[in-house]
PDB file of N, CA and C in Angstrom:
ATOM      1  N   MET A   1      40.031  11.426  62.168  1.00  0.00           N
ATOM      2  CA  MET A   1      39.269  12.517  62.166  1.00  0.00           C
ATOM      3  C   MET A   1      39.555  13.456  61.129  1.00  0.00           C
ATOM      4  N   ILE A   2      38.627  14.038  60.495  1.00  0.00           N
ATOM      5  CA  ILE A   2      38.881  14.870  59.326  1.00  0.00           C
ATOM      6  C   ILE A   2      38.440  16.316  59.504  1.00  0.00           C
ATOM      7  N   ALA A   3      39.266  17.199  59.494  1.00  0.00           N
ATOM      8  CA  ALA A   3      38.841  18.622  59.742  1.00  0.00           C
ATOM      9  C   ALA A   3      38.434  19.192  58.122  1.00  0.00           C
ATOM     10  N   VAL A   4      37.347  19.518  57.951  1.00  0.00           N
ATOM     11  CA  VAL A   4      36.760  19.973  56.595  1.00  0.00           C
ATOM     12  C   VAL A   4      36.510  21.469  56.727  1.00  0.00           C
ATOM     13  N   GLU A   5      37.221  22.183  55.765  1.00  0.00           N
ATOM     14  CA  GLU A   5      36.956  23.626  55.730  1.00  0.00           C
ATOM     15  C   GLU A   5      35.534  23.905  55.285  1.00  0.00           C
ATOM     16  N   GLY A   6      34.916  24.808  56.220  1.00  0.00           N
ATOM     17  CA  GLY A   6      33.482  25.083  55.946  1.00  0.00           C
ATOM     18  C   GLY A   6      32.511  24.411  56.856  1.00  0.00           C
ATOM     19  N   LEU A   7      32.979  23.449  57.754  1.00  0.00           N
ATOM     20  CA  LEU A   7      32.183  22.814  58.767  1.00  0.00           C
ATOM     21  C   LEU A   7      32.774  23.271  60.127  1.00  0.00           C
ATOM     22  N   SER A   8      32.056  23.505  61.020  1.00  0.00           N
ATOM     23  CA  SER A   8      32.581  24.059  62.398  1.00  0.00           C
ATOM     24  C   SER A   8      32.920  22.608  63.225  1.00  0.00           C
ATOM     25  N   GLN A   9      32.344  21.592  62.775  1.00  0.00           N
ATOM     26  CA  GLN A   9      32.619  20.323  63.453  1.00  0.00           C
ATOM     27  C   GLN A   9      33.577  19.457  62.820  1.00  0.00           C
ATOM     28  N   THR A  10      34.357  18.631  63.503  1.00  0.00           N
ATOM     29  CA  THR A  10      35.291  17.713  62.875  1.00  0.00           C
ATOM     30  C   THR A  10      34.450  16.400  62.544  1.00  0.00           C
ATOM     31  N   ILE A  11      34.819  15.784  61.454  1.00  0.00           N
ATOM     32  CA  ILE A  11      34.139  14.682  60.924  1.00  0.00           C
ATOM     33  C   ILE A  11      35.035  13.425  61.270  1.00  0.00           C
ATOM     34  N   LEU A  12      34.407  12.432  61.916  1.00  0.00           N
ATOM     35  CA  LEU A  12      34.994  11.345  62.302  1.00  0.00           C
ATOM     36  C   LEU A  12      34.462  10.298  61.469  1.00  0.00           C
ATOM     37  N   ILE A  13      35.148   9.478  60.576  1.00  0.00           N
ATOM     38  CA  ILE A  13      34.765   8.384  59.801  1.00  0.00           C
ATOM     39  C   ILE A  13      35.338   7.181  60.525  1.00  0.00           C
ATOM     40  N   ASP A  14      34.447   6.434  61.128  1.00  0.00           N
ATOM     41  CA  ASP A  14      34.892   5.326  61.949  1.00  0.00           C
ATOM     42  C   ASP A  14      34.410   3.941  61.304  1.00  0.00           C
ATOM     43  N   SER A  15      34.521   2.945  61.959  1.00  0.00           N
ATOM     44  CA  SER A  15      33.930   1.522  61.348  1.00  0.00           C
ATOM     45  C   SER A  15      32.375   1.666  61.258  1.00  0.00           C
ATOM     46  N   ALA A  16      31.813   2.534  62.212  1.00  0.00           N
ATOM     47  CA  ALA A  16      30.319   2.530  61.891  1.00  0.00           C
ATOM     48  C   ALA A  16      29.835   3.133  60.586  1.00  0.00           C
ATOM     49  N   CYS A  17      30.745   3.969  60.080  1.00  0.00           N
ATOM     50  CA  CYS A  17      30.454   4.555  58.694  1.00  0.00           C
ATOM     51  C   CYS A  17      30.868   3.775  57.524  1.00  0.00           C
ATOM     52  N   THR A  18      31.141   2.521  57.713  1.00  0.00           N
ATOM     53  CA  THR A  18      31.588   1.849  56.504  1.00  0.00           C
ATOM     54  C   THR A  18      30.434   1.136  55.780  1.00  0.00           C
ATOM     55  N   GLY A  19      29.208   1.180  56.455  1.00  0.00           N
ATOM     56  CA  GLY A  19      28.108   0.525  55.943  1.00  0.00           C
ATOM     57  C   GLY A  19      27.936  -1.101  56.034  1.00  0.00           C
ATOM     58  N   TYR A  20      28.857  -1.480  57.069  1.00  0.00           N
ATOM     59  CA  TYR A  20      28.706  -2.909  57.269  1.00  0.00           C
ATOM     60  C   TYR A  20      27.366  -3.323  57.996  1.00  0.00           C
ATOM     61  N   ARG A  21      26.693  -2.535  58.584  1.00  0.00           N
ATOM     62  CA  ARG A  21      25.375  -2.857  59.128  1.00  0.00           C
ATOM     63  C   ARG A  21      24.480  -2.939  58.187  1.00  0.00           C
ATOM     64  N   SER A  22      24.419  -2.161  57.161  1.00  0.00           N
ATOM     65  CA  SER A  22      23.490  -2.372  55.786  1.00  0.00           C
ATOM     66  C   SER A  22      23.629  -3.682  55.286  1.00  0.00           C
ATOM     67  N   ILE A  23      25.032  -3.920  55.088  1.00  0.00           N
ATOM     68  CA  ILE A  23      25.285  -5.258  54.284  1.00  0.00           C
ATOM     69  C   ILE A  23      24.935  -6.547  55.219  1.00  0.00           C
ATOM     70  N   LEU A  24      25.091  -6.387  56.548  1.00  0.00           N
ATOM     71  CA  LEU A  24      24.678  -7.436  57.299  1.00  0.00           C
ATOM     72  C   LEU A  24      23.073  -7.502  57.471  1.00  0.00           C
ATOM     73  N   ALA A  25      22.490  -6.472  57.345  1.00  0.00           N
ATOM     74  CA  ALA A  25      20.911  -6.456  57.320  1.00  0.00           C
ATOM     75  C   ALA A  25      20.501  -7.140  55.982  1.00  0.00           C
ATOM     76  N   LEU A  26      21.203  -6.649  54.891  1.00  0.00           N
ATOM     77  CA  LEU A  26      20.823  -7.432  53.625  1.00  0.00           C
ATOM     78  C   LEU A  26      21.012  -8.880  53.634  1.00  0.00           C
ATOM     79  N   ALA A  27      22.123  -9.287  54.195  1.00  0.00           N
ATOM     80  CA  ALA A  27      22.506 -10.586  54.155  1.00  0.00           C
ATOM     81  C   ALA A  27      21.480 -11.420  55.151  1.00  0.00           C
ATOM     82  N   GLY A  28      21.151 -10.822  56.177  1.00  0.00           N
ATOM     83  CA  GLY A  28      20.096 -11.473  57.037  1.00  0.00           C
ATOM     84  C   GLY A  28      18.809 -11.729  56.347  1.00  0.00           C
ATOM     85  N   LEU A  29      18.306 -10.596  55.646  1.00  0.00           N
ATOM     86  CA  LEU A  29      17.162 -10.845  54.858  1.00  0.00           C
ATOM     87  C   LEU A  29      17.216 -11.798  53.850  1.00  0.00           C
ATOM     88  N   ILE A  30      18.253 -12.041  53.064  1.00  0.00           N
ATOM     89  CA  ILE A  30      18.524 -12.907  52.048  1.00  0.00           C
ATOM     90  C   ILE A  30      18.596 -14.287  52.757  1.00  0.00           C
ATOM     91  N   ILE A  31      19.285 -14.477  53.779  1.00  0.00           N
ATOM     92  CA  ILE A  31      19.394 -15.843  54.374  1.00  0.00           C
ATOM     93  C   ILE A  31      17.976 -16.200  55.002  1.00  0.00           C
ATOM     94  N   ALA A  32      17.270 -15.320  55.354  1.00  0.00           N
ATOM     95  CA  ALA A  32      15.976 -15.615  56.041  1.00  0.00           C
ATOM     96  C   ALA A  32      14.879 -16.127  55.106  1.00  0.00           C
ATOM     97  N   VAL A  33      15.019 -16.068  53.733  1.00  0.00           N
ATOM     98  CA  VAL A  33      14.121 -16.531  52.770  1.00  0.00           C
ATOM     99  C   VAL A  33      14.249 -18.050  52.623  1.00  0.00           C
ATOM    100  N   PRO A  34      13.115 -18.722  52.854  1.00  0.00           N
ATOM    101  CA  PRO A  34      13.260 -20.243  52.611  1.00  0.00           C
ATOM    102  C   PRO A  34      13.238 -20.666  51.176  1.00  0.00           C
ATOM    103  N   ASN A  35      13.725 -21.859  50.933  1.00  0.00           N
ATOM    104  CA  ASN A  35      13.553 -22.601  49.617  1.00  0.00           C
ATOM    105  C   ASN A  35      14.397 -21.854  48.536  1.00  0.00           C
ATOM    106  N   ILE A  36      15.395 -21.195  48.730  1.00  0.00           N
ATOM    107  CA  ILE A  36      16.330 -20.620  47.788  1.00  0.00           C
ATOM    108  C   ILE A  36      17.713 -21.338  47.872  1.00  0.00           C
ATOM    109  N   GLU A  37      18.257 -21.621  46.691  1.00  0.00           N
ATOM    110  CA  GLU A  37      19.545 -22.202  46.619  1.00  0.00           C
ATOM    111  C   GLU A  37      20.601 -21.365  47.243  1.00  0.00           C
ATOM    112  N   TRP A  38      21.638 -21.961  47.922  1.00  0.00           N
ATOM    113  CA  TRP A  38      22.661 -21.129  48.593  1.00  0.00           C
ATOM    114  C   TRP A  38      23.467 -20.335  47.592  1.00  0.00           C
ATOM    115  N   LYS A  39      23.548 -21.002  46.410  1.00  0.00           N
ATOM    116  CA  LYS A  39      24.409 -20.229  45.323  1.00  0.00           C
ATOM    117  C   LYS A  39      23.734 -18.820  44.934  1.00  0.00           C
ATOM    118  N   LYS A  40      22.316 -18.859  44.826  1.00  0.00           N
ATOM    119  CA  LYS A  40      21.682 -17.591  44.664  1.00  0.00           C
ATOM    120  C   LYS A  40      21.838 -16.571  45.836  1.00  0.00           C
ATOM    121  N   ARG A  41      21.713 -17.165  47.105  1.00  0.00           N
ATOM    122  CA  ARG A  41      21.815 -16.255  48.306  1.00  0.00           C
ATOM    123  C   ARG A  41      23.354 -15.714  48.340  1.00  0.00           C
ATOM    124  N   ILE A  42      24.300 -16.577  48.178  1.00  0.00           N
ATOM    125  CA  ILE A  42      25.724 -16.035  48.205  1.00  0.00           C
ATOM    126  C   ILE A  42      25.769 -14.918  46.994  1.00  0.00           C
ATOM    127  N   LYS A  43      25.301 -15.232  45.864  1.00  0.00           N
ATOM    128  CA  LYS A  43      25.452 -14.151  44.812  1.00  0.00           C
ATOM    129  C   LYS A  43      24.654 -13.111  45.185  1.00  0.00           C
ATOM    130  N   GLY A  44      23.711 -13.070  45.782  1.00  0.00           N
ATOM    131  CA  GLY A  44      22.833 -11.725  46.213  1.00  0.00           C
ATOM    132  C   GLY A  44      23.578 -10.996  47.227  1.00  0.00           C
ATOM    133  N   ILE A  45      24.111 -11.682  48.098  1.00  0.00           N
ATOM    134  CA  ILE A  45      24.844 -11.026  49.295  1.00  0.00           C
ATOM    135  C   ILE A  45      26.166 -10.385  48.688  1.00  0.00           C
ATOM    136  N   PHE A  46      26.815 -11.065  47.861  1.00  0.00           N
ATOM    137  CA  PHE A  46      28.064 -10.589  47.267  1.00  0.00           C
ATOM    138  C   PHE A  46      27.789  -9.199  46.397  1.00  0.00           C
ATOM    139  N   TYR A  47      26.896  -9.300  45.558  1.00  0.00           N
ATOM    140  CA  TYR A  47      26.568  -8.120  44.616  1.00  0.00           C
ATOM    141  C   TYR A  47      25.843  -7.095  45.532  1.00  0.00           C
ATOM    142  N   GLY A  48      24.959  -7.343  46.281  1.00  0.00           N
ATOM    143  CA  GLY A  48      24.374  -6.401  47.260  1.00  0.00           C
ATOM    144  C   GLY A  48      25.478  -5.669  48.063  1.00  0.00           C
ATOM    145  N   ALA A  49      26.465  -6.432  48.625  1.00  0.00           N
ATOM    146  CA  ALA A  49      27.607  -5.831  49.356  1.00  0.00           C
ATOM    147  C   ALA A  49      28.354  -4.778  48.533  1.00  0.00           C
ATOM    148  N   ILE A  50      28.569  -5.106  47.273  1.00  0.00           N
ATOM    149  CA  ILE A  50      29.267  -4.210  46.382  1.00  0.00           C
ATOM    150  C   ILE A  50      28.425  -3.037  46.047  1.00  0.00           C
ATOM    151  N   ILE A  51      27.200  -3.189  45.893  1.00  0.00           N
ATOM    152  CA  ILE A  51      26.350  -1.910  45.549  1.00  0.00           C
ATOM    153  C   ILE A  51      26.424  -1.017  46.979  1.00  0.00           C
ATOM    154  N   LEU A  52      26.113  -1.697  48.016  1.00  0.00           N
ATOM    155  CA  LEU A  52      26.145  -0.904  49.268  1.00  0.00           C
ATOM    156  C   LEU A  52      27.402  -0.307  49.604  1.00  0.00           C
ATOM    157  N   PHE A  53      28.445  -0.823  49.275  1.00  0.00           N
ATOM    158  CA  PHE A  53      29.687  -0.245  49.498  1.00  0.00           C
ATOM    159  C   PHE A  53      29.902   1.003  48.596  1.00  0.00           C
ATOM    160  N   PHE A  54      29.471   1.015  47.394  1.00  0.00           N
ATOM    161  CA  PHE A  54      29.423   2.347  46.644  1.00  0.00           C
ATOM    162  C   PHE A  54      28.417   3.251  47.092  1.00  0.00           C
ATOM    163  N   VAL A  55      27.201   2.952  47.325  1.00  0.00           N
ATOM    164  CA  VAL A  55      26.230   3.683  47.942  1.00  0.00           C
ATOM    165  C   VAL A  55      26.748   4.407  49.268  1.00  0.00           C
ATOM    166  N   ASN A  56      27.543   3.793  50.013  1.00  0.00           N
ATOM    167  CA  ASN A  56      28.025   4.188  51.281  1.00  0.00           C
ATOM    168  C   ASN A  56      29.143   5.292  51.043  1.00  0.00           C
ATOM    169  N   ILE A  57      29.909   5.085  49.840  1.00  0.00           N
ATOM    170  CA  ILE A  57      30.843   6.174  49.566  1.00  0.00           C
ATOM    171  C   ILE A  57      30.137   7.410  49.069  1.00  0.00           C
ATOM    172  N   ALA A  58      28.994   7.175  48.332  1.00  0.00           N
ATOM    173  CA  ALA A  58      28.235   8.332  47.825  1.00  0.00           C
ATOM    174  C   ALA A  58      27.544   9.025  49.214  1.00  0.00           C
ATOM    175  N   ARG A  59      27.150   8.213  50.087  1.00  0.00           N
ATOM    176  CA  ARG A  59      26.611   8.743  51.455  1.00  0.00           C
ATOM    177  C   ARG A  59      27.579   9.771  52.089  1.00  0.00           C
ATOM    178  N   ILE A  60      28.848   9.175  52.224  1.00  0.00           N
ATOM    179  CA  ILE A  60      29.837   9.963  53.034  1.00  0.00           C
ATOM    180  C   ILE A  60      30.159  11.169  52.256  1.00  0.00           C
ATOM    181  N   THR A  61      30.391  11.041  50.865  1.00  0.00           N
ATOM    182  CA  THR A  61      30.853  12.211  50.097  1.00  0.00           C
ATOM    183  C   THR A  61      29.695  13.225  50.007  1.00  0.00           C
ATOM    184  N   SER A  62      28.413  12.843  49.671  1.00  0.00           N
ATOM    185  CA  SER A  62      27.364  13.860  49.706  1.00  0.00           C
ATOM    186  C   SER A  62      27.018  14.539  50.898  1.00  0.00           C
ATOM    187  N   THR A  63      27.250  13.835  52.024  1.00  0.00           N
ATOM    188  CA  THR A  63      26.877  14.409  53.379  1.00  0.00           C
ATOM    189  C   THR A  63      28.020  15.479  53.517  1.00  0.00           C
ATOM    190  N   ILE A  64      29.254  15.194  53.337  1.00  0.00           N
ATOM    191  CA  ILE A  64      30.308  16.198  53.535  1.00  0.00           C
ATOM    192  C   ILE A  64      30.137  17.486  52.624  1.00  0.00           C
ATOM    193  N   ILE A  65      29.766  17.115  51.329  1.00  0.00           N
ATOM    194  CA  ILE A  65      29.578  18.214  50.317  1.00  0.00           C
ATOM    195  C   ILE A  65      28.356  19.122  50.726  1.00  0.00           C
ATOM    196  N   LEU A  66      27.337  18.433  51.008  1.00  0.00           N
ATOM    197  CA  LEU A  66      26.202  19.329  51.508  1.00  0.00           C
ATOM    198  C   LEU A  66      26.389  20.133  52.728  1.00  0.00           C
ATOM    199  N   GLY A  67      27.159  19.447  53.735  1.00  0.00           N
ATOM    200  CA  GLY A  67      27.470  20.070  54.978  1.00  0.00           C
ATOM    201  C   GLY A  67      28.375  21.323  54.771  1.00  0.00           C
ATOM    202  N   VAL A  68      29.377  21.261  53.818  1.00  0.00           N
ATOM    203  CA  VAL A  68      30.308  22.414  53.532  1.00  0.00           C
ATOM    204  C   VAL A  68      29.534  23.430  52.790  1.00  0.00           C
ATOM    205  N   LYS A  69      28.715  23.009  51.805  1.00  0.00           N
ATOM    206  CA  LYS A  69      27.984  23.962  50.981  1.00  0.00           C
ATOM    207  C   LYS A  69      26.886  24.766  51.887  1.00  0.00           C
ATOM    208  N   PHE A  70      26.127  24.038  52.735  1.00  0.00           N
ATOM    209  CA  PHE A  70      24.889  24.641  53.391  1.00  0.00           C
ATOM    210  C   PHE A  70      25.086  24.689  54.907  1.00  0.00           C
ATOM    211  N   GLY A  71      26.050  24.218  55.485  1.00  0.00           N
ATOM    212  CA  GLY A  71      26.388  24.402  56.895  1.00  0.00           C
ATOM    213  C   GLY A  71      26.044  23.036  57.726  1.00  0.00           C
ATOM    214  N   ASP A  72      26.237  23.221  59.042  1.00  0.00           N
ATOM    215  CA  ASP A  72      26.216  22.121  60.084  1.00  0.00           C
ATOM    216  C   ASP A  72      24.773  21.556  60.193  1.00  0.00           C
ATOM    217  N   ALA A  73      23.767  22.357  60.072  1.00  0.00           N
ATOM    218  CA  ALA A  73      22.476  21.949  60.286  1.00  0.00           C
ATOM    219  C   ALA A  73      22.070  20.895  59.008  1.00  0.00           C
ATOM    220  N   VAL A  74      22.573  21.273  57.793  1.00  0.00           N
ATOM    221  CA  VAL A  74      22.154  20.337  56.679  1.00  0.00           C
ATOM    222  C   VAL A  74      23.066  19.240  56.747  1.00  0.00           C
ATOM    223  N   PHE A  75      24.203  19.373  57.235  1.00  0.00           N
ATOM    224  CA  PHE A  75      25.016  18.176  57.379  1.00  0.00           C
ATOM    225  C   PHE A  75      24.446  17.154  58.445  1.00  0.00           C
ATOM    226  N   ASP A  76      24.013  17.647  59.517  1.00  0.00           N
ATOM    227  CA  ASP A  76      23.325  16.797  60.539  1.00  0.00           C
ATOM    228  C   ASP A  76      22.083  16.137  60.029  1.00  0.00           C
ATOM    229  N   PHE A  77      21.176  16.931  59.358  1.00  0.00           N
ATOM    230  CA  PHE A  77      20.026  16.503  58.840  1.00  0.00           C
ATOM    231  C   PHE A  77      20.244  15.390  57.669  1.00  0.00           C
ATOM    232  N   THR A  78      21.196  15.569  56.828  1.00  0.00           N
ATOM    233  CA  THR A  78      21.511  14.619  55.874  1.00  0.00           C
ATOM    234  C   THR A  78      21.985  13.445  56.453  1.00  0.00           C
ATOM    235  N   HIS A  79      23.070  13.538  57.367  1.00  0.00           N
ATOM    236  CA  HIS A  79      23.617  12.378  57.939  1.00  0.00           C
ATOM    237  C   HIS A  79      22.550  11.511  58.778  1.00  0.00           C
ATOM    238  N   THR A  80      21.728  12.251  59.686  1.00  0.00           N
ATOM    239  CA  THR A  80      21.089  11.584  60.567  1.00  0.00           C
ATOM    240  C   THR A  80      19.697  11.141  60.094  1.00  0.00           C
ATOM    241  N   PHE A  81      19.004  11.875  59.094  1.00  0.00           N
ATOM    242  CA  PHE A  81      17.808  11.585  58.681  1.00  0.00           C
ATOM    243  C   PHE A  81      17.779  10.937  57.359  1.00  0.00           C
ATOM    244  N   LEU A  82      18.348  11.755  56.370  1.00  0.00           N
ATOM    245  CA  LEU A  82      18.101  11.335  55.053  1.00  0.00           C
ATOM    246  C   LEU A  82      18.792   9.923  54.662  1.00  0.00           C
ATOM    247  N   TRP A  83      20.021   9.944  55.005  1.00  0.00           N
ATOM    248  CA  TRP A  83      20.865   8.725  54.617  1.00  0.00           C
ATOM    249  C   TRP A  83      20.501   7.543  55.609  1.00  0.00           C
ATOM    250  N   ARG A  84      20.101   7.762  56.808  1.00  0.00           N
ATOM    251  CA  ARG A  84      19.758   6.548  57.712  1.00  0.00           C
ATOM    252  C   ARG A  84      18.571   5.959  57.228  1.00  0.00           C
ATOM    253  N   GLU A  85      17.542   6.830  56.809  1.00  0.00           N
ATOM    254  CA  GLU A  85      16.299   6.285  56.315  1.00  0.00           C
ATOM    255  C   GLU A  85      16.443   5.831  54.832  1.00  0.00           C
ATOM    256  N   GLY A  86      17.310   6.553  54.082  1.00  0.00           N
ATOM    257  CA  GLY A  86      17.506   6.183  52.806  1.00  0.00           C
ATOM    258  C   GLY A  86      18.357   4.771  52.651  1.00  0.00           C
ATOM    259  N   LEU A  87      19.164   4.522  53.597  1.00  0.00           N
ATOM    260  CA  LEU A  87      19.894   3.180  53.590  1.00  0.00           C
ATOM    261  C   LEU A  87      18.857   2.011  53.908  1.00  0.00           C
ATOM    262  N   ILE A  88      18.000   2.293  54.779  1.00  0.00           N
ATOM    263  CA  ILE A  88      16.977   1.195  55.030  1.00  0.00           C
ATOM    264  C   ILE A  88      16.187   1.073  53.716  1.00  0.00           C
ATOM    265  N   PHE A  89      15.810   2.044  53.022  1.00  0.00           N
ATOM    266  CA  PHE A  89      15.083   1.849  51.830  1.00  0.00           C
ATOM    267  C   PHE A  89      15.845   1.192  50.788  1.00  0.00           C
ATOM    268  N   ILE A  90      17.187   1.487  50.605  1.00  0.00           N
ATOM    269  CA  ILE A  90      18.063   0.835  49.754  1.00  0.00           C
ATOM    270  C   ILE A  90      18.178  -0.710  50.018  1.00  0.00           C
ATOM    271  N   VAL A  91      18.425  -0.905  51.422  1.00  0.00           N
ATOM    272  CA  VAL A  91      18.521  -2.300  51.577  1.00  0.00           C
ATOM    273  C   VAL A  91      17.343  -3.104  51.395  1.00  0.00           C
ATOM    274  N   VAL A  92      16.087  -2.659  51.700  1.00  0.00           N
ATOM    275  CA  VAL A  92      14.890  -3.294  51.296  1.00  0.00           C
ATOM    276  C   VAL A  92      14.562  -3.283  49.903  1.00  0.00           C
ATOM    277  N   LEU A  93      15.095  -2.417  49.095  1.00  0.00           N
ATOM    278  CA  LEU A  93      14.947  -2.425  47.698  1.00  0.00           C
ATOM    279  C   LEU A  93      15.812  -3.436  47.090  1.00  0.00           C
ATOM    280  N   LEU A  94      16.931  -3.590  47.599  1.00  0.00           N
ATOM    281  CA  LEU A  94      18.015  -4.563  47.051  1.00  0.00           C
ATOM    282  C   LEU A  94      17.501  -6.005  47.202  1.00  0.00           C
ATOM    283  N   TRP A  95      16.904  -6.138  48.462  1.00  0.00           N
ATOM    284  CA  TRP A  95      16.214  -7.469  48.855  1.00  0.00           C
ATOM    285  C   TRP A  95      15.132  -7.873  48.066  1.00  0.00           C
ATOM    286  N   TYR A  96      14.251  -6.739  47.670  1.00  0.00           N
ATOM    287  CA  TYR A  96      13.026  -7.133  46.878  1.00  0.00           C
ATOM    288  C   TYR A  96      13.519  -7.408  45.464  1.00  0.00           C
ATOM    289  N   LEU A  97      14.526  -6.599  44.913  1.00  0.00           N
ATOM    290  CA  LEU A  97      14.961  -7.013  43.650  1.00  0.00           C
ATOM    291  C   LEU A  97      15.594  -8.290  43.506  1.00  0.00           C
ATOM    292  N   TRP A  98      16.350  -8.832  44.654  1.00  0.00           N
ATOM    293  CA  TRP A  98      16.891 -10.172  44.736  1.00  0.00           C
ATOM    294  C   TRP A  98      15.795 -11.242  44.740  1.00  0.00           C
ATOM    295  N   LEU A  99      14.670 -10.861  45.504  1.00  0.00           N
ATOM    296  CA  LEU A  99      13.572 -11.868  45.586  1.00  0.00           C
ATOM    297  C   LEU A  99      12.907 -12.019  44.220  1.00  0.00           C
ATOM    298  N   LYS A 100      12.727 -10.808  43.543  1.00  0.00           N
ATOM    299  CA  LYS A 100      12.192 -10.800  42.354  1.00  0.00           C
ATOM    300  C   LYS A 100      13.015 -11.599  41.403  1.00  0.00           C
ATOM    301  N   ARG A 101      14.267 -11.301  41.280  1.00  0.00           N
ATOM    302  CA  ARG A 101      15.235 -12.103  40.423  1.00  0.00           C
ATOM    303  C   ARG A 101      15.302 -13.629  40.805  1.00  0.00           C
ATOM    304  N   SER A 102      15.224 -13.912  42.141  1.00  0.00           N
ATOM    305  CA  SER A 102      15.131 -15.237  42.525  1.00  0.00           C
ATOM    306  C   SER A 102      13.834 -16.020  42.299  1.00  0.00           C
ATOM    307  N   LYS A 103      12.972 -15.421  41.457  1.00  0.00           N
ATOM    308  CA  LYS A 103      11.596 -15.962  41.243  1.00  0.00           C
ATOM    309  C   LYS A 103      10.668 -16.175  42.503  1.00  0.00           C
ATOM    310  N   MET A 104      11.121 -15.457  43.501  1.00  0.00           N
ATOM    311  CA  MET A 104      10.154 -15.484  44.663  1.00  0.00           C
ATOM    312  C   MET A 104       8.953 -14.659  44.487  1.00  0.00           C
ATOM    313  N   VAL A 105       7.850 -15.099  44.922  1.00  0.00           N
ATOM    314  CA  VAL A 105       6.502 -14.411  44.762  1.00  0.00           C
ATOM    315  C   VAL A 105       6.361 -13.794  46.183  1.00  0.00           C
ATOM    316  N   LEU A 106       6.032 -12.430  46.149  1.00  0.00           N
ATOM    317  CA  LEU A 106       5.853 -11.739  47.404  1.00  0.00           C
ATOM    318  C   LEU A 106       4.339 -11.804  47.588  1.00  0.00           C
ATOM    319  N   ALA A 107       3.888 -12.252  48.749  1.00  0.00           N
ATOM    320  CA  ALA A 107       2.450 -12.074  48.966  1.00  0.00           C
ATOM    321  C   ALA A 107       2.333 -11.080  50.125  1.00  0.00           C
ATOM    322  N   ILE A 108       2.026  -9.921  49.871  1.00  0.00           N
ATOM    323  CA  ILE A 108       1.853  -8.886  50.921  1.00  0.00           C
ATOM    324  C   ILE A 108       0.336  -8.678  51.297  1.00  0.00           C
ATOM    325  N   ALA A 109       0.105  -9.023  52.527  1.00  0.00           N
ATOM    326  CA  ALA A 109      -1.208  -8.818  52.968  1.00  0.00           C
ATOM    327  C   ALA A 109      -1.556  -7.428  53.389  1.00  0.00           C
ATOM    328  N   PHE A 110      -2.628  -6.889  53.017  1.00  0.00           N
ATOM    329  CA  PHE A 110      -3.040  -5.451  53.471  1.00  0.00           C
ATOM    330  C   PHE A 110      -4.184  -5.525  54.442  1.00  0.00           C
TER     331      PHE A 110
END
């Protein structure tokens, strides 16, 4: 637990904060695509995990900074809404970029 001056609540950074679920989600999406060489899949998961690791550090840092600067309500909003939804967007974006780089054609039915 970390006590941060400026926040009334104690911050607990545990295993759920490491971003492993985002990495697993990206890996699942990459593995689920048929007809792609395993070398490309492993490369996509490796580089995606590195990107998500640094995004997660930015997530934790920005959430704490915004919470200290603007209070607990902004901390909760940033942590619960912006970054939760933001990480989903980033995972899907990384998967899309990997698909595009892997020469997969996306057919999206509307």
